[in-house]
Amino acid sequence: MKVLLLQEVKGVGEAGQVKEVAEGYARNYLIPKKLAVAATPAALKEHEQRQAAEKKRQAKIDEEMRELGKRISASSVTIRSKVGEGGKLYGSVTTADVSEAMEKQLGLVVDKRKIEIEEPIRHVGEYKVPVKLSKNVGATITVIVEGEEGE
């Protein structure tokens, strides 16, 4: 029996694929668990329309995010933190700190989970920090870490 997979099924295939499976497997497992539907012409047409609408929606989001990405890449934020000897920070600069600085200094609200700091920032200096804006679009913001004398 041919089925259209709605979700990834281990050992069978990815979402959106049409696969030939045993009739009992399809009727007793895949279809009742809403992992697949019978691959009728109507179901295939509906799936194609859904994919086209999703592509169009994603293209619109990507275009908006490219504009935001240009603004972010042309900007920088300054974060002040207490430092000890040798420019070493007490603690570190986190994604939450960068997100908060972007909101206060630039007026841009970016979720801290979209900011990708590979290693915690623990020294004074200038850092390039990647920001994942959408599935296909990213930007890089310059983060300047300045020190305040610690006690």
N, C-alpha and C. Protein backbone atom coordinates (compact mmCIF):
# COMPACT_ATOMS: atom_id res chain seq x y z
N MET A 1 0.85 -1.18 0.00
CA MET A 1 0.00 0.00 0.00
C MET A 1 0.89 1.23 0.00
N LYS A 2 0.55 2.22 -0.82
CA LYS A 2 1.31 3.46 -0.88
C LYS A 2 0.74 4.44 0.14
N VAL A 3 1.66 5.04 0.93
CA VAL A 3 1.25 6.02 1.93
C VAL A 3 2.09 7.29 1.78
N LEU A 4 1.52 8.41 2.19
CA LEU A 4 2.21 9.69 2.25
C LEU A 4 2.56 9.92 3.71
N LEU A 5 3.85 9.97 4.01
CA LEU A 5 4.29 10.13 5.39
C LEU A 5 4.07 11.57 5.86
N LEU A 6 3.44 11.73 7.01
CA LEU A 6 3.19 13.04 7.59
C LEU A 6 4.30 13.44 8.55
N GLN A 7 4.99 12.45 9.10
CA GLN A 7 6.11 12.67 10.01
C GLN A 7 7.21 11.69 9.65
N GLU A 8 8.41 11.93 10.18
CA GLU A 8 9.50 10.99 9.96
C GLU A 8 9.19 9.69 10.70
N VAL A 9 9.35 8.57 10.01
CA VAL A 9 9.15 7.26 10.62
C VAL A 9 10.47 6.52 10.45
N LYS A 10 11.08 6.15 11.58
CA LYS A 10 12.38 5.49 11.55
C LYS A 10 12.29 4.18 10.75
N GLY A 11 13.20 4.03 9.83
CA GLY A 11 13.24 2.82 9.02
C GLY A 11 12.32 2.86 7.80
N VAL A 12 11.49 3.90 7.69
CA VAL A 12 10.57 4.00 6.56
C VAL A 12 10.92 5.20 5.69
N GLY A 13 10.93 6.41 6.27
CA GLY A 13 11.26 7.59 5.49
C GLY A 13 10.96 8.89 6.21
N GLU A 14 11.17 9.97 5.48
CA GLU A 14 10.98 11.33 6.00
C GLU A 14 9.56 11.82 5.72
N ALA A 15 9.17 12.88 6.43
CA ALA A 15 7.87 13.50 6.20
C ALA A 15 7.80 14.01 4.76
N GLY A 16 6.65 13.80 4.12
CA GLY A 16 6.44 14.25 2.75
C GLY A 16 6.77 13.22 1.69
N GLN A 17 7.37 12.11 2.06
CA GLN A 17 7.71 11.08 1.08
C GLN A 17 6.53 10.14 0.86
N VAL A 18 6.44 9.60 -0.34
CA VAL A 18 5.46 8.56 -0.64
C VAL A 18 6.22 7.24 -0.63
N LYS A 19 5.76 6.31 0.21
CA LYS A 19 6.45 5.03 0.38
C LYS A 19 5.47 3.88 0.22
N GLU A 20 6.01 2.76 -0.23
CA GLU A 20 5.25 1.52 -0.34
C GLU A 20 5.52 0.73 0.94
N VAL A 21 4.44 0.44 1.70
CA VAL A 21 4.58 -0.32 2.95
C VAL A 21 3.55 -1.44 2.95
N ALA A 22 3.73 -2.37 3.86
CA ALA A 22 2.77 -3.46 3.98
C ALA A 22 1.40 -2.89 4.38
N GLU A 23 0.34 -3.46 3.84
CA GLU A 23 -1.00 -2.94 4.08
C GLU A 23 -1.36 -2.98 5.57
N GLY A 24 -1.02 -4.06 6.25
CA GLY A 24 -1.31 -4.17 7.68
C GLY A 24 -0.57 -3.13 8.49
N TYR A 25 0.68 -2.87 8.15
CA TYR A 25 1.49 -1.86 8.84
C TYR A 25 0.85 -0.48 8.68
N ALA A 26 0.39 -0.20 7.47
CA ALA A 26 -0.24 1.09 7.21
C ALA A 26 -1.56 1.21 7.96
N ARG A 27 -2.44 0.22 7.84
CA ARG A 27 -3.77 0.30 8.45
C ARG A 27 -3.77 0.19 9.98
N ASN A 28 -2.84 -0.58 10.53
CA ASN A 28 -2.84 -0.82 11.96
C ASN A 28 -1.91 0.08 12.76
N TYR A 29 -0.92 0.68 12.09
CA TYR A 29 0.05 1.48 12.84
C TYR A 29 0.18 2.90 12.31
N LEU A 30 0.58 3.05 11.05
CA LEU A 30 0.89 4.38 10.51
C LEU A 30 -0.33 5.31 10.46
N ILE A 31 -1.43 4.83 9.91
CA ILE A 31 -2.61 5.69 9.75
C ILE A 31 -3.28 6.00 11.09
N PRO A 32 -3.52 5.01 11.99
CA PRO A 32 -4.15 5.35 13.29
C PRO A 32 -3.31 6.30 14.14
N LYS A 33 -1.99 6.21 14.05
CA LYS A 33 -1.11 7.09 14.83
C LYS A 33 -0.87 8.42 14.12
N LYS A 34 -1.53 8.64 13.00
CA LYS A 34 -1.41 9.86 12.20
C LYS A 34 0.03 10.15 11.77
N LEU A 35 0.75 9.08 11.48
CA LEU A 35 2.10 9.20 10.94
C LEU A 35 2.07 9.23 9.42
N ALA A 36 0.96 8.75 8.83
CA ALA A 36 0.83 8.70 7.38
C ALA A 36 -0.64 8.70 7.00
N VAL A 37 -0.89 9.00 5.73
CA VAL A 37 -2.24 8.88 5.15
C VAL A 37 -2.10 8.09 3.86
N ALA A 38 -3.19 7.48 3.43
CA ALA A 38 -3.17 6.75 2.16
C ALA A 38 -2.81 7.73 1.04
N ALA A 39 -1.96 7.29 0.11
CA ALA A 39 -1.47 8.16 -0.95
C ALA A 39 -2.48 8.25 -2.09
N THR A 40 -3.61 8.87 -1.82
CA THR A 40 -4.62 9.09 -2.85
C THR A 40 -4.25 10.34 -3.64
N PRO A 41 -4.76 10.49 -4.86
CA PRO A 41 -4.46 11.70 -5.62
C PRO A 41 -4.86 12.98 -4.87
N ALA A 42 -5.97 12.94 -4.15
CA ALA A 42 -6.42 14.12 -3.40
C ALA A 42 -5.44 14.45 -2.27
N ALA A 43 -4.97 13.44 -1.56
CA ALA A 43 -4.02 13.66 -0.47
C ALA A 43 -2.69 14.20 -1.00
N LEU A 44 -2.24 13.69 -2.13
CA LEU A 44 -1.00 14.16 -2.73
C LEU A 44 -1.12 15.61 -3.19
N LYS A 45 -2.26 15.95 -3.78
CA LYS A 45 -2.49 17.32 -4.25
C LYS A 45 -2.53 18.29 -3.06
N GLU A 46 -3.23 17.89 -2.00
CA GLU A 46 -3.32 18.72 -0.80
C GLU A 46 -1.92 18.94 -0.20
N HIS A 47 -1.12 17.87 -0.19
CA HIS A 47 0.23 17.96 0.35
C HIS A 47 1.08 18.93 -0.48
N GLU A 48 0.98 18.86 -1.81
CA GLU A 48 1.73 19.77 -2.68
C GLU A 48 1.31 21.21 -2.44
N GLN A 49 0.00 21.45 -2.27
CA GLN A 49 -0.48 22.81 -2.01
C GLN A 49 0.03 23.32 -0.67
N ARG A 50 0.03 22.45 0.32
CA ARG A 50 0.53 22.82 1.65
C ARG A 50 2.01 23.18 1.58
N GLN A 51 2.79 22.37 0.83
CA GLN A 51 4.22 22.64 0.68
C GLN A 51 4.47 23.96 -0.03
N ALA A 52 3.68 24.25 -1.08
CA ALA A 52 3.84 25.50 -1.82
C ALA A 52 3.53 26.70 -0.91
N ALA A 53 2.48 26.59 -0.11
CA ALA A 53 2.12 27.67 0.82
C ALA A 53 3.22 27.86 1.86
N GLU A 54 3.78 26.77 2.35
CA GLU A 54 4.86 26.84 3.34
C GLU A 54 6.10 27.49 2.75
N LYS A 55 6.44 27.16 1.49
CA LYS A 55 7.59 27.77 0.82
C LYS A 55 7.39 29.27 0.67
N LYS A 56 6.18 29.65 0.29
CA LYS A 56 5.86 31.07 0.10
C LYS A 56 5.97 31.81 1.44
N ARG A 57 5.44 31.21 2.49
CA ARG A 57 5.49 31.82 3.82
C ARG A 57 6.94 31.94 4.29
N GLN A 58 7.74 30.89 4.07
CA GLN A 58 9.14 30.90 4.49
C GLN A 58 9.93 31.95 3.71
N ALA A 59 9.63 32.12 2.41
CA ALA A 59 10.32 33.12 1.60
C ALA A 59 10.03 34.53 2.13
N LYS A 60 8.79 34.78 2.53
CA LYS A 60 8.42 36.09 3.09
C LYS A 60 9.16 36.33 4.40
N ILE A 61 9.20 35.32 5.26
CA ILE A 61 9.91 35.44 6.55
C ILE A 61 11.40 35.69 6.30
N ASP A 62 12.00 34.95 5.34
CA ASP A 62 13.42 35.11 5.04
C ASP A 62 13.72 36.53 4.55
N GLU A 63 12.85 37.08 3.73
CA GLU A 63 13.05 38.44 3.22
C GLU A 63 13.03 39.45 4.37
N GLU A 64 12.07 39.31 5.28
CA GLU A 64 12.00 40.20 6.44
C GLU A 64 13.25 40.04 7.31
N MET A 65 13.70 38.81 7.48
CA MET A 65 14.86 38.56 8.32
C MET A 65 16.16 39.06 7.68
N ARG A 66 16.23 39.06 6.33
CA ARG A 66 17.41 39.62 5.66
C ARG A 66 17.54 41.10 5.97
N GLU A 67 16.41 41.82 5.94
CA GLU A 67 16.42 43.25 6.27
C GLU A 67 16.90 43.46 7.71
N LEU A 68 16.35 42.67 8.63
CA LEU A 68 16.76 42.75 10.03
C LEU A 68 18.24 42.38 10.17
N GLY A 69 18.68 41.38 9.43
CA GLY A 69 20.07 40.94 9.45
C GLY A 69 21.02 42.04 9.00
N LYS A 70 20.64 42.82 8.00
CA LYS A 70 21.47 43.93 7.55
C LYS A 70 21.63 44.96 8.66
N ARG A 71 20.52 45.25 9.36
CA ARG A 71 20.59 46.21 10.47
C ARG A 71 21.47 45.68 11.59
N ILE A 72 21.33 44.39 11.90
CA ILE A 72 22.13 43.79 12.98
C ILE A 72 23.61 43.77 12.61
N SER A 73 23.93 43.38 11.38
CA SER A 73 25.33 43.27 10.96
C SER A 73 26.02 44.63 10.93
N ALA A 74 25.27 45.68 10.68
CA ALA A 74 25.85 47.03 10.64
C ALA A 74 25.94 47.66 12.03
N SER A 75 25.48 46.96 13.05
CA SER A 75 25.42 47.51 14.40
C SER A 75 26.42 46.84 15.32
N SER A 76 26.58 47.49 16.47
CA SER A 76 27.37 46.89 17.54
C SER A 76 26.71 47.25 18.86
N VAL A 77 26.93 46.42 19.86
CA VAL A 77 26.42 46.70 21.20
C VAL A 77 27.59 46.68 22.17
N THR A 78 27.47 47.50 23.20
CA THR A 78 28.52 47.58 24.22
C THR A 78 27.97 47.03 25.52
N ILE A 79 28.72 46.13 26.12
CA ILE A 79 28.34 45.54 27.40
C ILE A 79 29.43 45.87 28.40
N ARG A 80 29.03 46.46 29.51
CA ARG A 80 29.98 46.79 30.56
C ARG A 80 29.86 45.75 31.67
N SER A 81 31.02 45.30 32.13
CA SER A 81 31.05 44.28 33.16
C SER A 81 32.25 44.52 34.06
N LYS A 82 32.15 44.03 35.28
CA LYS A 82 33.27 44.19 36.21
C LYS A 82 34.42 43.29 35.78
N VAL A 83 35.65 43.85 35.87
CA VAL A 83 36.83 43.09 35.47
C VAL A 83 37.85 43.06 36.60
N GLY A 84 38.66 42.04 36.57
CA GLY A 84 39.77 41.92 37.51
C GLY A 84 41.07 42.21 36.78
N GLU A 85 42.13 41.61 37.25
CA GLU A 85 43.44 41.82 36.64
C GLU A 85 43.50 41.19 35.25
N GLY A 86 44.20 41.86 34.36
CA GLY A 86 44.42 41.32 33.02
C GLY A 86 43.19 41.36 32.11
N GLY A 87 42.19 42.14 32.46
CA GLY A 87 41.00 42.26 31.61
C GLY A 87 40.08 41.07 31.69
N LYS A 88 40.24 40.24 32.71
CA LYS A 88 39.38 39.06 32.87
C LYS A 88 38.11 39.46 33.61
N LEU A 89 36.96 39.06 33.08
CA LEU A 89 35.67 39.41 33.67
C LEU A 89 35.37 38.57 34.90
N TYR A 90 34.62 39.16 35.81
CA TYR A 90 34.03 38.38 36.90
C TYR A 90 32.77 37.76 36.30
N GLY A 91 32.75 36.48 36.07
CA GLY A 91 31.63 35.84 35.38
C GLY A 91 31.89 35.86 33.89
N SER A 92 30.83 35.88 33.11
CA SER A 92 30.99 35.91 31.66
C SER A 92 29.79 36.61 31.02
N VAL A 93 29.96 36.98 29.76
CA VAL A 93 28.88 37.58 28.99
C VAL A 93 28.11 36.44 28.34
N THR A 94 26.80 36.40 28.58
CA THR A 94 25.97 35.32 28.06
C THR A 94 25.08 35.80 26.93
N THR A 95 24.37 34.86 26.31
CA THR A 95 23.43 35.22 25.25
C THR A 95 22.33 36.13 25.78
N ALA A 96 21.94 35.93 27.03
CA ALA A 96 20.91 36.79 27.63
C ALA A 96 21.41 38.22 27.74
N ASP A 97 22.69 38.40 28.09
CA ASP A 97 23.27 39.75 28.18
C ASP A 97 23.28 40.43 26.81
N VAL A 98 23.65 39.68 25.77
CA VAL A 98 23.69 40.23 24.41
C VAL A 98 22.28 40.59 23.96
N SER A 99 21.31 39.72 24.21
CA SER A 99 19.92 39.98 23.84
C SER A 99 19.39 41.23 24.53
N GLU A 100 19.68 41.36 25.82
CA GLU A 100 19.23 42.53 26.59
C GLU A 100 19.89 43.81 26.07
N ALA A 101 21.18 43.75 25.74
CA ALA A 101 21.88 44.91 25.21
C ALA A 101 21.33 45.32 23.85
N MET A 102 20.99 44.33 23.01
CA MET A 102 20.42 44.64 21.70
C MET A 102 19.08 45.35 21.86
N GLU A 103 18.28 44.90 22.82
CA GLU A 103 16.97 45.51 23.04
C GLU A 103 17.12 46.94 23.56
N LYS A 104 18.01 47.16 24.52
CA LYS A 104 18.18 48.49 25.11
C LYS A 104 18.86 49.47 24.16
N GLN A 105 19.92 49.02 23.49
CA GLN A 105 20.73 49.93 22.68
C GLN A 105 20.23 50.10 21.26
N LEU A 106 19.66 49.05 20.68
CA LEU A 106 19.23 49.10 19.28
C LEU A 106 17.72 49.07 19.10
N GLY A 107 17.01 48.69 20.15
CA GLY A 107 15.56 48.57 20.04
C GLY A 107 15.13 47.32 19.28
N LEU A 108 16.01 46.34 19.17
CA LEU A 108 15.71 45.09 18.46
C LEU A 108 15.49 43.98 19.47
N VAL A 109 14.35 43.30 19.36
CA VAL A 109 14.07 42.19 20.26
C VAL A 109 14.48 40.89 19.55
N VAL A 110 15.52 40.25 20.09
CA VAL A 110 16.01 38.99 19.54
C VAL A 110 16.06 37.99 20.68
N ASP A 111 15.45 36.84 20.48
CA ASP A 111 15.43 35.79 21.50
C ASP A 111 16.85 35.33 21.79
N LYS A 112 17.16 35.16 23.07
CA LYS A 112 18.52 34.76 23.47
C LYS A 112 18.91 33.40 22.90
N ARG A 113 17.93 32.55 22.59
CA ARG A 113 18.23 31.23 22.03
C ARG A 113 18.70 31.31 20.59
N LYS A 114 18.49 32.46 19.94
CA LYS A 114 18.92 32.63 18.56
C LYS A 114 20.34 33.19 18.46
N ILE A 115 20.89 33.61 19.59
CA ILE A 115 22.24 34.13 19.63
C ILE A 115 23.18 32.97 19.94
N GLU A 116 24.22 32.82 19.12
CA GLU A 116 25.08 31.64 19.20
C GLU A 116 26.50 32.02 19.62
N ILE A 117 26.76 31.99 20.92
CA ILE A 117 28.11 32.23 21.42
C ILE A 117 28.75 30.86 21.60
N GLU A 118 29.86 30.61 20.85
CA GLU A 118 30.50 29.29 20.93
C GLU A 118 31.07 29.03 22.32
N GLU A 119 31.88 29.98 22.81
CA GLU A 119 32.45 29.86 24.14
C GLU A 119 32.06 31.10 24.93
N PRO A 120 31.85 30.98 26.24
CA PRO A 120 31.49 32.16 27.02
C PRO A 120 32.54 33.26 26.88
N ILE A 121 32.08 34.50 26.81
CA ILE A 121 32.99 35.65 26.68
C ILE A 121 33.45 36.01 28.09
N ARG A 122 34.75 35.88 28.34
CA ARG A 122 35.27 36.09 29.69
C ARG A 122 36.35 37.16 29.75
N HIS A 123 36.65 37.81 28.60
CA HIS A 123 37.68 38.85 28.59
C HIS A 123 37.13 40.10 27.91
N VAL A 124 37.72 41.23 28.26
CA VAL A 124 37.39 42.50 27.63
C VAL A 124 37.84 42.41 26.17
N GLY A 125 37.06 43.01 25.27
CA GLY A 125 37.44 43.01 23.86
C GLY A 125 36.25 43.13 22.95
N GLU A 126 36.53 42.92 21.67
CA GLU A 126 35.49 43.01 20.64
C GLU A 126 35.29 41.61 20.06
N TYR A 127 34.03 41.20 19.97
CA TYR A 127 33.70 39.85 19.52
C TYR A 127 32.64 39.91 18.43
N LYS A 128 32.76 39.01 17.46
CA LYS A 128 31.74 38.84 16.43
C LYS A 128 30.86 37.67 16.88
N VAL A 129 29.56 37.94 17.06
CA VAL A 129 28.65 36.93 17.58
C VAL A 129 27.59 36.63 16.53
N PRO A 130 27.45 35.37 16.08
CA PRO A 130 26.43 35.01 15.11
C PRO A 130 25.03 35.01 15.73
N VAL A 131 24.05 35.45 14.93
CA VAL A 131 22.65 35.46 15.34
C VAL A 131 21.86 34.73 14.26
N LYS A 132 21.16 33.66 14.64
CA LYS A 132 20.35 32.88 13.70
C LYS A 132 18.95 33.48 13.69
N LEU A 133 18.58 34.17 12.60
CA LEU A 133 17.30 34.86 12.55
C LEU A 133 16.15 33.97 12.09
N SER A 134 16.42 33.09 11.15
CA SER A 134 15.41 32.13 10.70
C SER A 134 16.15 30.89 10.22
N LYS A 135 15.40 29.95 9.68
CA LYS A 135 16.00 28.69 9.22
C LYS A 135 17.11 28.93 8.19
N ASN A 136 16.94 29.94 7.33
CA ASN A 136 17.86 30.16 6.22
C ASN A 136 18.68 31.45 6.34
N VAL A 137 18.43 32.29 7.34
CA VAL A 137 19.05 33.60 7.41
C VAL A 137 19.76 33.80 8.75
N GLY A 138 20.97 34.30 8.67
CA GLY A 138 21.73 34.62 9.88
C GLY A 138 22.42 35.96 9.72
N ALA A 139 22.94 36.49 10.81
CA ALA A 139 23.66 37.75 10.80
C ALA A 139 24.76 37.66 11.86
N THR A 140 25.62 38.66 11.87
CA THR A 140 26.68 38.71 12.87
C THR A 140 26.69 40.10 13.50
N ILE A 141 26.61 40.16 14.81
CA ILE A 141 26.65 41.44 15.51
C ILE A 141 27.99 41.57 16.22
N THR A 142 28.48 42.80 16.29
CA THR A 142 29.73 43.07 17.00
C THR A 142 29.39 43.38 18.45
N VAL A 143 29.98 42.62 19.36
CA VAL A 143 29.77 42.84 20.79
C VAL A 143 31.08 43.38 21.36
N ILE A 144 31.00 44.58 21.94
CA ILE A 144 32.17 45.20 22.56
C ILE A 144 32.00 45.05 24.07
N VAL A 145 32.95 44.39 24.69
CA VAL A 145 32.90 44.19 26.14
C VAL A 145 33.90 45.15 26.76
N GLU A 146 33.39 46.05 27.60
CA GLU A 146 34.23 47.02 28.29
C GLU A 146 34.24 46.69 29.76
N GLY A 147 35.30 47.06 30.43
CA GLY A 147 35.42 46.73 31.84
C GLY A 147 35.12 47.89 32.76
N GLU A 148 34.60 47.55 33.92
CA GLU A 148 34.45 48.47 35.03
C GLU A 148 35.37 47.90 36.11
N GLU A 149 36.06 48.75 36.83
CA GLU A 149 36.96 48.24 37.86
C GLU A 149 36.19 47.53 38.94
N GLY A 150 36.61 46.33 39.29
CA GLY A 150 36.00 45.56 40.37
C GLY A 150 36.49 46.05 41.72
N GLU A 151 35.95 45.49 42.75
CA GLU A 151 36.32 45.92 44.11
C GLU A 151 37.44 45.08 44.64
